[in-house]
């Protein structure tokens, strides 16, 4: 049986951009030092329970006072090749501890002394390409992100704003805004979350559900030896007209956090 493995291997680039600081002084020179606010420490937090440290396995991150603490890898599983439109929900975020499956999330931290705000952006660098067959591309395939919300130990009044519309990466190479923290907001550690589990304490709509096979039996996620789940808040849509060859397809995403002036 031919199967199309639409697997998003997150060969990702993480970019943090900052504004240069300038100081003017006499010819003898002037030195100035800035220190950040107390950092709440390393660790990835449960996006639905910010007081709880979790183990998501592999951690993609950057360093510094304004940084990515965690960016997810996305896996859309496998499906039979079809001449119809196919919508792949992403495999939900799993953890190597007792934490149950969650929606995909990005964890950001801003511990600058005077937070000026920041923007979170995303860019898809290439269309999904076959790893084995040169020239095999999923033309017209579109990644989308929905049901976005924020969570933190900080007061909700300081939260960054997220889009309430579905974010579709329709144009390869174009940069899309996912979240923005205004001047004075977004300080500390925040999760930007897409989707939620059934038992989330924040009243978010449920998008995470059990993954089952053709016989409606639960699928096991062998990476964590737990029941597998899907998250309908993050999807890959492949048009019916797209030529589909058997194999694994991947793309590259660039996640960008930029310091506002």
C-alpha atoms as a PDB file:
ATOM      1  CA  UNK A   1       0.000   0.000   0.000  1.00  0.00           C
ATOM      2  CA  UNK A   2       1.423   3.368  -0.961  1.00  0.00           C
ATOM      3  CA  UNK A   3       1.462   5.823   1.914  1.00  0.00           C
ATOM      4  CA  UNK A   4       2.405   9.489   1.942  1.00  0.00           C
ATOM      5  CA  UNK A   5       4.328  10.418   5.061  1.00  0.00           C
ATOM      6  CA  UNK A   6       3.675  14.127   5.400  1.00  0.00           C
ATOM      7  CA  UNK A   7       6.231  14.645   8.097  1.00  0.00           C
ATOM      8  CA  UNK A   8       7.283  18.121   9.097  1.00  0.00           C
ATOM      9  CA  UNK A   9      10.828  17.789  10.324  1.00  0.00           C
ATOM     10  CA  UNK A  10      11.383  21.098  12.020  1.00  0.00           C
ATOM     11  CA  UNK A  11      14.776  21.911  10.579  1.00  0.00           C
ATOM     12  CA  UNK A  12      14.312  25.258  12.201  1.00  0.00           C
ATOM     13  CA  UNK A  13      16.171  28.496  12.471  1.00  0.00           C
ATOM     14  CA  UNK A  14      15.718  30.588  15.600  1.00  0.00           C
ATOM     15  CA  UNK A  15      16.412  34.302  15.303  1.00  0.00           C
ATOM     16  CA  UNK A  16      16.517  36.959  18.034  1.00  0.00           C
ATOM     17  CA  UNK A  17      16.956  40.521  16.821  1.00  0.00           C
ATOM     18  CA  UNK A  18      17.779  43.452  19.089  1.00  0.00           C
ATOM     19  CA  UNK A  19      18.196  47.179  18.651  1.00  0.00           C
ATOM     20  CA  UNK A  20      21.784  48.471  19.113  1.00  0.00           C
ATOM     21  CA  UNK A  21      22.443  50.653  22.162  1.00  0.00           C
ATOM     22  CA  UNK A  22      24.426  53.880  21.749  1.00  0.00           C
ATOM     23  CA  UNK A  23      26.119  56.074  24.374  1.00  0.00           C
ATOM     24  CA  UNK A  24      27.785  59.414  23.758  1.00  0.00           C
ATOM     25  CA  UNK A  25      30.576  60.756  25.991  1.00  0.00           C
ATOM     26  CA  UNK A  26      33.841  62.645  26.213  1.00  0.00           C
ATOM     27  CA  UNK A  27      36.928  61.488  24.411  1.00  0.00           C
ATOM     28  CA  UNK A  28      38.054  59.659  27.533  1.00  0.00           C
ATOM     29  CA  UNK A  29      35.128  57.287  26.929  1.00  0.00           C
ATOM     30  CA  UNK A  30      32.039  56.337  28.821  1.00  0.00           C
ATOM     31  CA  UNK A  31      31.027  52.870  29.908  1.00  0.00           C
ATOM     32  CA  UNK A  32      27.508  51.772  30.712  1.00  0.00           C
ATOM     33  CA  UNK A  33      26.217  48.406  31.844  1.00  0.00           C
ATOM     34  CA  UNK A  34      22.686  47.080  31.933  1.00  0.00           C
ATOM     35  CA  UNK A  35      21.550  44.128  33.959  1.00  0.00           C
ATOM     36  CA  UNK A  36      18.293  42.269  33.508  1.00  0.00           C
ATOM     37  CA  UNK A  37      15.602  41.668  36.074  1.00  0.00           C
ATOM     38  CA  UNK A  38      15.858  38.525  38.221  1.00  0.00           C
ATOM     39  CA  UNK A  39      15.475  35.529  35.945  1.00  0.00           C
ATOM     40  CA  UNK A  40      12.960  32.892  37.003  1.00  0.00           C
ATOM     41  CA  UNK A  41      15.404  30.164  36.041  1.00  0.00           C
ATOM     42  CA  UNK A  42      15.734  27.542  33.371  1.00  0.00           C
ATOM     43  CA  UNK A  43      13.007  25.059  32.621  1.00  0.00           C
ATOM     44  CA  UNK A  44      10.114  24.464  30.274  1.00  0.00           C
ATOM     45  CA  UNK A  45       6.697  25.045  31.780  1.00  0.00           C
ATOM     46  CA  UNK A  46       3.477  23.231  31.150  1.00  0.00           C
ATOM     47  CA  UNK A  47       1.722  25.638  28.740  1.00  0.00           C
ATOM     48  CA  UNK A  48      -1.566  25.008  30.571  1.00  0.00           C
ATOM     49  CA  UNK A  49      -0.154  25.126  34.140  1.00  0.00           C
ATOM     50  CA  UNK A  50       2.648  27.680  34.298  1.00  0.00           C
ATOM     51  CA  UNK A  51       3.750  26.670  37.807  1.00  0.00           C
ATOM     52  CA  UNK A  52       4.717  23.170  36.627  1.00  0.00           C
ATOM     53  CA  UNK A  53       8.079  22.343  35.007  1.00  0.00           C
ATOM     54  CA  UNK A  54       7.815  19.668  32.293  1.00  0.00           C
ATOM     55  CA  UNK A  55      10.107  17.568  30.123  1.00  0.00           C
ATOM     56  CA  UNK A  56       9.288  17.863  26.405  1.00  0.00           C
ATOM     57  CA  UNK A  57      12.422  15.965  25.381  1.00  0.00           C
ATOM     58  CA  UNK A  58      14.465  17.787  22.767  1.00  0.00           C
ATOM     59  CA  UNK A  59      14.626  21.523  23.442  1.00  0.00           C
ATOM     60  CA  UNK A  60      15.226  24.066  20.663  1.00  0.00           C
ATOM     61  CA  UNK A  61      16.242  27.366  22.269  1.00  0.00           C
ATOM     62  CA  UNK A  62      18.396  30.494  22.176  1.00  0.00           C
ATOM     63  CA  UNK A  63      20.318  32.341  24.903  1.00  0.00           C
ATOM     64  CA  UNK A  64      20.159  35.856  26.328  1.00  0.00           C
ATOM     65  CA  UNK A  65      17.814  38.145  28.248  1.00  0.00           C
ATOM     66  CA  UNK A  66      15.322  38.076  25.354  1.00  0.00           C
ATOM     67  CA  UNK A  67      15.162  34.496  24.129  1.00  0.00           C
ATOM     68  CA  UNK A  68      13.335  31.405  22.951  1.00  0.00           C
ATOM     69  CA  UNK A  69      13.162  28.795  25.708  1.00  0.00           C
ATOM     70  CA  UNK A  70      11.320  26.245  23.583  1.00  0.00           C
ATOM     71  CA  UNK A  71      10.054  25.898  20.028  1.00  0.00           C
ATOM     72  CA  UNK A  72       8.134  22.756  19.005  1.00  0.00           C
ATOM     73  CA  UNK A  73       8.852  20.239  16.307  1.00  0.00           C
ATOM     74  CA  UNK A  74       5.836  19.347  14.192  1.00  0.00           C
ATOM     75  CA  UNK A  75       4.972  15.870  12.935  1.00  0.00           C
ATOM     76  CA  UNK A  76       1.878  15.290  10.793  1.00  0.00           C
ATOM     77  CA  UNK A  77       2.144  11.527  10.611  1.00  0.00           C
ATOM     78  CA  UNK A  78       1.316   9.389   7.568  1.00  0.00           C
ATOM     79  CA  UNK A  79      -1.683   8.839   5.343  1.00  0.00           C
ATOM     80  CA  UNK A  80      -2.635   6.908   2.237  1.00  0.00           C
ATOM     81  CA  UNK A  81      -2.100   8.797  -0.989  1.00  0.00           C
ATOM     82  CA  UNK A  82      -5.397  10.302  -2.089  1.00  0.00           C
ATOM     83  CA  UNK A  83      -6.780  12.318  -5.004  1.00  0.00           C
ATOM     84  CA  UNK A  84      -8.849  14.382  -2.550  1.00  0.00           C
ATOM     85  CA  UNK A  85      -7.972  17.347  -0.375  1.00  0.00           C
ATOM     86  CA  UNK A  86      -6.127  16.070   2.689  1.00  0.00           C
ATOM     87  CA  UNK A  87      -6.035  17.887   6.035  1.00  0.00           C
ATOM     88  CA  UNK A  88      -3.417  16.608   8.466  1.00  0.00           C
ATOM     89  CA  UNK A  89      -3.789  17.666  12.114  1.00  0.00           C
ATOM     90  CA  UNK A  90      -0.423  17.792  13.831  1.00  0.00           C
ATOM     91  CA  UNK A  91       0.561  15.187  16.392  1.00  0.00           C
ATOM     92  CA  UNK A  92      -0.011  16.896  19.753  1.00  0.00           C
ATOM     93  CA  UNK A  93       2.902  17.955  21.963  1.00  0.00           C
ATOM     94  CA  UNK A  94       4.019  15.101  24.192  1.00  0.00           C
ATOM     95  CA  UNK A  95       6.182  15.047  27.319  1.00  0.00           C
ATOM     96  CA  UNK A  96       8.549  12.503  28.839  1.00  0.00           C
ATOM     97  CA  UNK A  97       6.972  12.852  32.273  1.00  0.00           C
ATOM     98  CA  UNK A  98       3.429  12.297  33.516  1.00  0.00           C
ATOM     99  CA  UNK A  99       2.120  15.429  31.758  1.00  0.00           C
ATOM    100  CA  UNK A 100      -0.577  14.606  29.214  1.00  0.00           C
ATOM    101  CA  UNK A 101      -0.593  15.812  25.604  1.00  0.00           C
ATOM    102  CA  UNK A 102      -0.934  19.548  24.929  1.00  0.00           C
ATOM    103  CA  UNK A 103      -1.304  21.902  21.999  1.00  0.00           C
ATOM    104  CA  UNK A 104       1.885  23.106  20.330  1.00  0.00           C
ATOM    105  CA  UNK A 105       3.515  26.018  22.142  1.00  0.00           C
ATOM    106  CA  UNK A 106       6.440  28.421  22.040  1.00  0.00           C
ATOM    107  CA  UNK A 107       7.996  29.551  25.324  1.00  0.00           C
ATOM    108  CA  UNK A 108       9.594  33.012  25.329  1.00  0.00           C
ATOM    109  CA  UNK A 109      11.420  34.899  28.058  1.00  0.00           C
ATOM    110  CA  UNK A 110      12.162  38.611  28.348  1.00  0.00           C
ATOM    111  CA  UNK A 111      14.353  39.564  31.309  1.00  0.00           C
ATOM    112  CA  UNK A 112      15.712  42.840  29.997  1.00  0.00           C
ATOM    113  CA  UNK A 113      15.929  45.574  32.637  1.00  0.00           C
ATOM    114  CA  UNK A 114      13.532  47.810  30.717  1.00  0.00           C
ATOM    115  CA  UNK A 115      11.337  45.724  28.415  1.00  0.00           C
ATOM    116  CA  UNK A 116      10.384  47.703  25.327  1.00  0.00           C
ATOM    117  CA  UNK A 117       8.139  44.974  23.965  1.00  0.00           C
ATOM    118  CA  UNK A 118       8.704  42.352  21.293  1.00  0.00           C
ATOM    119  CA  UNK A 119       7.154  40.649  18.293  1.00  0.00           C
ATOM    120  CA  UNK A 120       7.008  36.921  17.528  1.00  0.00           C
ATOM    121  CA  UNK A 121       7.056  36.018  13.830  1.00  0.00           C
ATOM    122  CA  UNK A 122       7.194  32.908  11.691  1.00  0.00           C
ATOM    123  CA  UNK A 123       8.395  32.257   8.157  1.00  0.00           C
ATOM    124  CA  UNK A 124       8.281  29.076   6.074  1.00  0.00           C
ATOM    125  CA  UNK A 125      11.438  29.002   3.990  1.00  0.00           C
ATOM    126  CA  UNK A 126      10.558  26.280   1.468  1.00  0.00           C
ATOM    127  CA  UNK A 127       7.598  24.245   0.335  1.00  0.00           C
ATOM    128  CA  UNK A 128       7.394  20.663   1.637  1.00  0.00           C
ATOM    129  CA  UNK A 129       9.949  18.612  -0.302  1.00  0.00           C
ATOM    130  CA  UNK A 130      10.548  14.885  -0.545  1.00  0.00           C
ATOM    131  CA  UNK A 131      13.654  13.712   1.268  1.00  0.00           C
ATOM    132  CA  UNK A 132      14.200  10.897  -1.229  1.00  0.00           C
ATOM    133  CA  UNK A 133      12.993  12.106  -4.642  1.00  0.00           C
ATOM    134  CA  UNK A 134      14.464  15.215  -6.228  1.00  0.00           C
ATOM    135  CA  UNK A 135      11.806  17.586  -7.524  1.00  0.00           C
ATOM    136  CA  UNK A 136       8.938  16.013  -5.549  1.00  0.00           C
ATOM    137  CA  UNK A 137       7.177  18.951  -3.885  1.00  0.00           C
ATOM    138  CA  UNK A 138       3.758  19.272  -2.238  1.00  0.00           C
ATOM    139  CA  UNK A 139       2.646  22.211  -4.386  1.00  0.00           C
ATOM    140  CA  UNK A 140      -0.014  24.329  -2.735  1.00  0.00           C
ATOM    141  CA  UNK A 141       0.361  22.702   0.695  1.00  0.00           C
ATOM    142  CA  UNK A 142      -0.431  25.194   3.460  1.00  0.00           C
ATOM    143  CA  UNK A 143       0.425  25.179   7.156  1.00  0.00           C
ATOM    144  CA  UNK A 144      -2.074  26.884   9.476  1.00  0.00           C
ATOM    145  CA  UNK A 145      -2.146  27.850  13.147  1.00  0.00           C
ATOM    146  CA  UNK A 146      -5.356  28.556  15.083  1.00  0.00           C
ATOM    147  CA  UNK A 147      -6.777  28.805  18.615  1.00  0.00           C
ATOM    148  CA  UNK A 148      -3.840  30.860  19.889  1.00  0.00           C
ATOM    149  CA  UNK A 149      -3.669  32.019  23.508  1.00  0.00           C
ATOM    150  CA  UNK A 150      -1.085  32.979  26.132  1.00  0.00           C
ATOM    151  CA  UNK A 151      -0.178  31.725  29.578  1.00  0.00           C
ATOM    152  CA  UNK A 152       2.290  32.769  32.272  1.00  0.00           C
ATOM    153  CA  UNK A 153       2.832  33.125  36.014  1.00  0.00           C
ATOM    154  CA  UNK A 154       2.682  36.880  35.329  1.00  0.00           C
ATOM    155  CA  UNK A 155      -0.503  38.932  35.533  1.00  0.00           C
ATOM    156  CA  UNK A 156      -2.747  38.581  32.471  1.00  0.00           C
ATOM    157  CA  UNK A 157      -2.769  42.378  32.059  1.00  0.00           C
ATOM    158  CA  UNK A 158       0.880  42.114  30.923  1.00  0.00           C
ATOM    159  CA  UNK A 159       0.183  39.451  28.294  1.00  0.00           C
ATOM    160  CA  UNK A 160       1.260  39.823  24.674  1.00  0.00           C
ATOM    161  CA  UNK A 161      -1.520  40.007  22.116  1.00  0.00           C
ATOM    162  CA  UNK A 162      -2.083  37.067  19.785  1.00  0.00           C
ATOM    163  CA  UNK A 163      -4.060  36.757  16.579  1.00  0.00           C
ATOM    164  CA  UNK A 164      -7.650  35.554  16.952  1.00  0.00           C
ATOM    165  CA  UNK A 165      -7.734  34.699  13.259  1.00  0.00           C
ATOM    166  CA  UNK A 166      -6.365  31.557  11.628  1.00  0.00           C
ATOM    167  CA  UNK A 167      -2.775  32.182  10.539  1.00  0.00           C
ATOM    168  CA  UNK A 168      -2.182  30.494   7.183  1.00  0.00           C
ATOM    169  CA  UNK A 169       1.321  30.435   5.727  1.00  0.00           C
ATOM    170  CA  UNK A 170       0.035  30.882   2.182  1.00  0.00           C
ATOM    171  CA  UNK A 171       3.146  32.552   0.799  1.00  0.00           C
ATOM    172  CA  UNK A 172       6.462  30.753   1.097  1.00  0.00           C
ATOM    173  CA  UNK A 173       9.155  33.154   2.302  1.00  0.00           C
ATOM    174  CA  UNK A 174       6.710  35.680   3.744  1.00  0.00           C
ATOM    175  CA  UNK A 175       6.988  36.577   7.443  1.00  0.00           C
ATOM    176  CA  UNK A 176       3.811  36.326   9.527  1.00  0.00           C
ATOM    177  CA  UNK A 177       3.114  37.956  12.897  1.00  0.00           C
ATOM    178  CA  UNK A 178       2.052  35.536  15.638  1.00  0.00           C
ATOM    179  CA  UNK A 179       2.181  37.699  18.767  1.00  0.00           C
ATOM    180  CA  UNK A 180       3.218  41.160  19.946  1.00  0.00           C
ATOM    181  CA  UNK A 181       3.999  42.528  23.384  1.00  0.00           C
ATOM    182  CA  UNK A 182       3.522  46.282  23.697  1.00  0.00           C
ATOM    183  CA  UNK A 183       5.963  48.540  25.574  1.00  0.00           C
ATOM    184  CA  UNK A 184       6.228  47.316  29.175  1.00  0.00           C
ATOM    185  CA  UNK A 185       4.354  44.077  28.475  1.00  0.00           C
ATOM    186  CA  UNK A 186       5.558  40.548  27.806  1.00  0.00           C
ATOM    187  CA  UNK A 187       8.192  40.613  30.547  1.00  0.00           C
ATOM    188  CA  UNK A 188       9.101  37.360  32.279  1.00  0.00           C
ATOM    189  CA  UNK A 189       8.294  33.977  30.770  1.00  0.00           C
ATOM    190  CA  UNK A 190       5.294  33.397  28.492  1.00  0.00           C
ATOM    191  CA  UNK A 191       3.859  30.518  26.516  1.00  0.00           C
ATOM    192  CA  UNK A 192       2.209  31.213  23.152  1.00  0.00           C
ATOM    193  CA  UNK A 193      -0.078  28.214  22.725  1.00  0.00           C
ATOM    194  CA  UNK A 194      -2.020  26.816  19.757  1.00  0.00           C
ATOM    195  CA  UNK A 195      -4.890  24.672  20.972  1.00  0.00           C
ATOM    196  CA  UNK A 196      -5.586  23.053  24.338  1.00  0.00           C
ATOM    197  CA  UNK A 197      -6.373  19.774  26.047  1.00  0.00           C
ATOM    198  CA  UNK A 198      -9.817  18.893  27.336  1.00  0.00           C
ATOM    199  CA  UNK A 199      -8.888  19.524  30.967  1.00  0.00           C
ATOM    200  CA  UNK A 200      -7.077  22.825  30.558  1.00  0.00           C
ATOM    201  CA  UNK A 201      -7.828  25.174  33.488  1.00  0.00           C
ATOM    202  CA  UNK A 202      -8.056  28.319  31.340  1.00  0.00           C
ATOM    203  CA  UNK A 203     -11.361  27.531  29.621  1.00  0.00           C
ATOM    204  CA  UNK A 204      -9.812  27.256  26.170  1.00  0.00           C
ATOM    205  CA  UNK A 205     -11.606  25.312  23.428  1.00  0.00           C
ATOM    206  CA  UNK A 206     -10.520  21.671  23.244  1.00  0.00           C
ATOM    207  CA  UNK A 207      -8.466  20.857  20.136  1.00  0.00           C
ATOM    208  CA  UNK A 208      -6.425  17.902  21.445  1.00  0.00           C
ATOM    209  CA  UNK A 209      -7.985  14.461  21.014  1.00  0.00           C
ATOM    210  CA  UNK A 210      -6.905  10.818  21.006  1.00  0.00           C
ATOM    211  CA  UNK A 211      -5.328   9.488  17.813  1.00  0.00           C
ATOM    212  CA  UNK A 212      -6.907   6.270  16.538  1.00  0.00           C
ATOM    213  CA  UNK A 213      -6.220   3.887  13.659  1.00  0.00           C
ATOM    214  CA  UNK A 214      -8.529   2.641  10.884  1.00  0.00           C
ATOM    215  CA  UNK A 215     -10.199   0.265  13.383  1.00  0.00           C
ATOM    216  CA  UNK A 216     -10.763   3.154  15.797  1.00  0.00           C
ATOM    217  CA  UNK A 217      -8.191   1.730  18.195  1.00  0.00           C
ATOM    218  CA  UNK A 218      -5.831   3.989  20.162  1.00  0.00           C
ATOM    219  CA  UNK A 219      -2.434   4.620  18.584  1.00  0.00           C
ATOM    220  CA  UNK A 220       0.684   4.486  20.779  1.00  0.00           C
ATOM    221  CA  UNK A 221       3.327   7.210  20.521  1.00  0.00           C
ATOM    222  CA  UNK A 222       6.438   5.042  20.723  1.00  0.00           C
ATOM    223  CA  UNK A 223       8.731   8.012  21.405  1.00  0.00           C
ATOM    224  CA  UNK A 224       7.170   8.477  24.852  1.00  0.00           C
ATOM    225  CA  UNK A 225       5.375   5.114  25.224  1.00  0.00           C
ATOM    226  CA  UNK A 226       2.043   6.854  25.719  1.00  0.00           C
ATOM    227  CA  UNK A 227      -1.242   7.121  23.886  1.00  0.00           C
ATOM    228  CA  UNK A 228      -0.861   9.368  20.834  1.00  0.00           C
ATOM    229  CA  UNK A 229      -2.941  12.521  20.383  1.00  0.00           C
ATOM    230  CA  UNK A 230      -3.625  14.975  17.582  1.00  0.00           C
ATOM    231  CA  UNK A 231      -4.083  18.746  17.753  1.00  0.00           C
ATOM    232  CA  UNK A 232      -6.545  20.229  15.260  1.00  0.00           C
ATOM    233  CA  UNK A 233      -5.314  23.779  15.975  1.00  0.00           C
ATOM    234  CA  UNK A 234      -2.235  23.184  13.781  1.00  0.00           C
ATOM    235  CA  UNK A 235      -2.903  21.667  10.368  1.00  0.00           C
ATOM    236  CA  UNK A 236      -1.284  20.915   7.036  1.00  0.00           C
ATOM    237  CA  UNK A 237      -3.632  21.067   4.052  1.00  0.00           C
ATOM    238  CA  UNK A 238      -2.618  19.359   0.804  1.00  0.00           C
ATOM    239  CA  UNK A 239      -4.844  20.087  -2.252  1.00  0.00           C
ATOM    240  CA  UNK A 240      -6.380  17.287  -4.293  1.00  0.00           C
ATOM    241  CA  UNK A 241      -4.570  18.462  -7.430  1.00  0.00           C
ATOM    242  CA  UNK A 242      -1.120  18.198  -5.816  1.00  0.00           C
ATOM    243  CA  UNK A 243       0.989  15.353  -7.185  1.00  0.00           C
ATOM    244  CA  UNK A 244       1.884  13.102  -4.283  1.00  0.00           C
ATOM    245  CA  UNK A 245       4.697  10.577  -4.366  1.00  0.00           C
ATOM    246  CA  UNK A 246       5.272   8.065  -1.533  1.00  0.00           C
ATOM    247  CA  UNK A 247       7.843   9.236   0.965  1.00  0.00           C
ATOM    248  CA  UNK A 248       8.618  11.703   3.721  1.00  0.00           C
ATOM    249  CA  UNK A 249       8.291  15.432   3.119  1.00  0.00           C
ATOM    250  CA  UNK A 250       9.805  18.232   5.162  1.00  0.00           C
ATOM    251  CA  UNK A 251      10.256  21.983   5.224  1.00  0.00           C
ATOM    252  CA  UNK A 252      12.087  24.645   7.226  1.00  0.00           C
ATOM    253  CA  UNK A 253      10.496  27.197   9.551  1.00  0.00           C
ATOM    254  CA  UNK A 254      12.228  30.283  10.901  1.00  0.00           C
ATOM    255  CA  UNK A 255      10.916  31.565  14.246  1.00  0.00           C
ATOM    256  CA  UNK A 256      11.820  35.196  14.971  1.00  0.00           C
ATOM    257  CA  UNK A 257      11.577  37.236  18.158  1.00  0.00           C
ATOM    258  CA  UNK A 258      12.385  40.906  17.657  1.00  0.00           C
ATOM    259  CA  UNK A 259      12.949  43.592  20.258  1.00  0.00           C
ATOM    260  CA  UNK A 260      10.711  46.595  19.643  1.00  0.00           C
ATOM    261  CA  UNK A 261      12.435  49.987  19.600  1.00  0.00           C
END
